[in-house]
Amino acid sequence: MAKELLRSLERYAANNGIPTLSCRVRLSVPRNIQLYQSLGYEIYDEEVIHKPNGIQVKIVLMKKILSTSAGISMIN
């Protein structure tokens, strides 16, 4: 179900001229990182988020390019 939701979001973005999608994923949840990677997202950075309660959360930033600069959709 998660893959279908993401594919739907990607189609919506591509159809509305949004060339790239990005997300933040907790490093402590490798299953979620694998989900995004299986759909073509790539890790491009890591961060530590400082929550108001003092907890630090390590995350990876991921992105997927949906279309080329010529506007050609890469979403099937």
Foldseek 3Di string as FASTA:
>chain_A
DVLVVVLVVLVVCLVVVNFKDKDKAFPVCVVVVVSVVVVPKDFDAKDWDQDPVRDITIITMIMHGQADPVSDGPRD
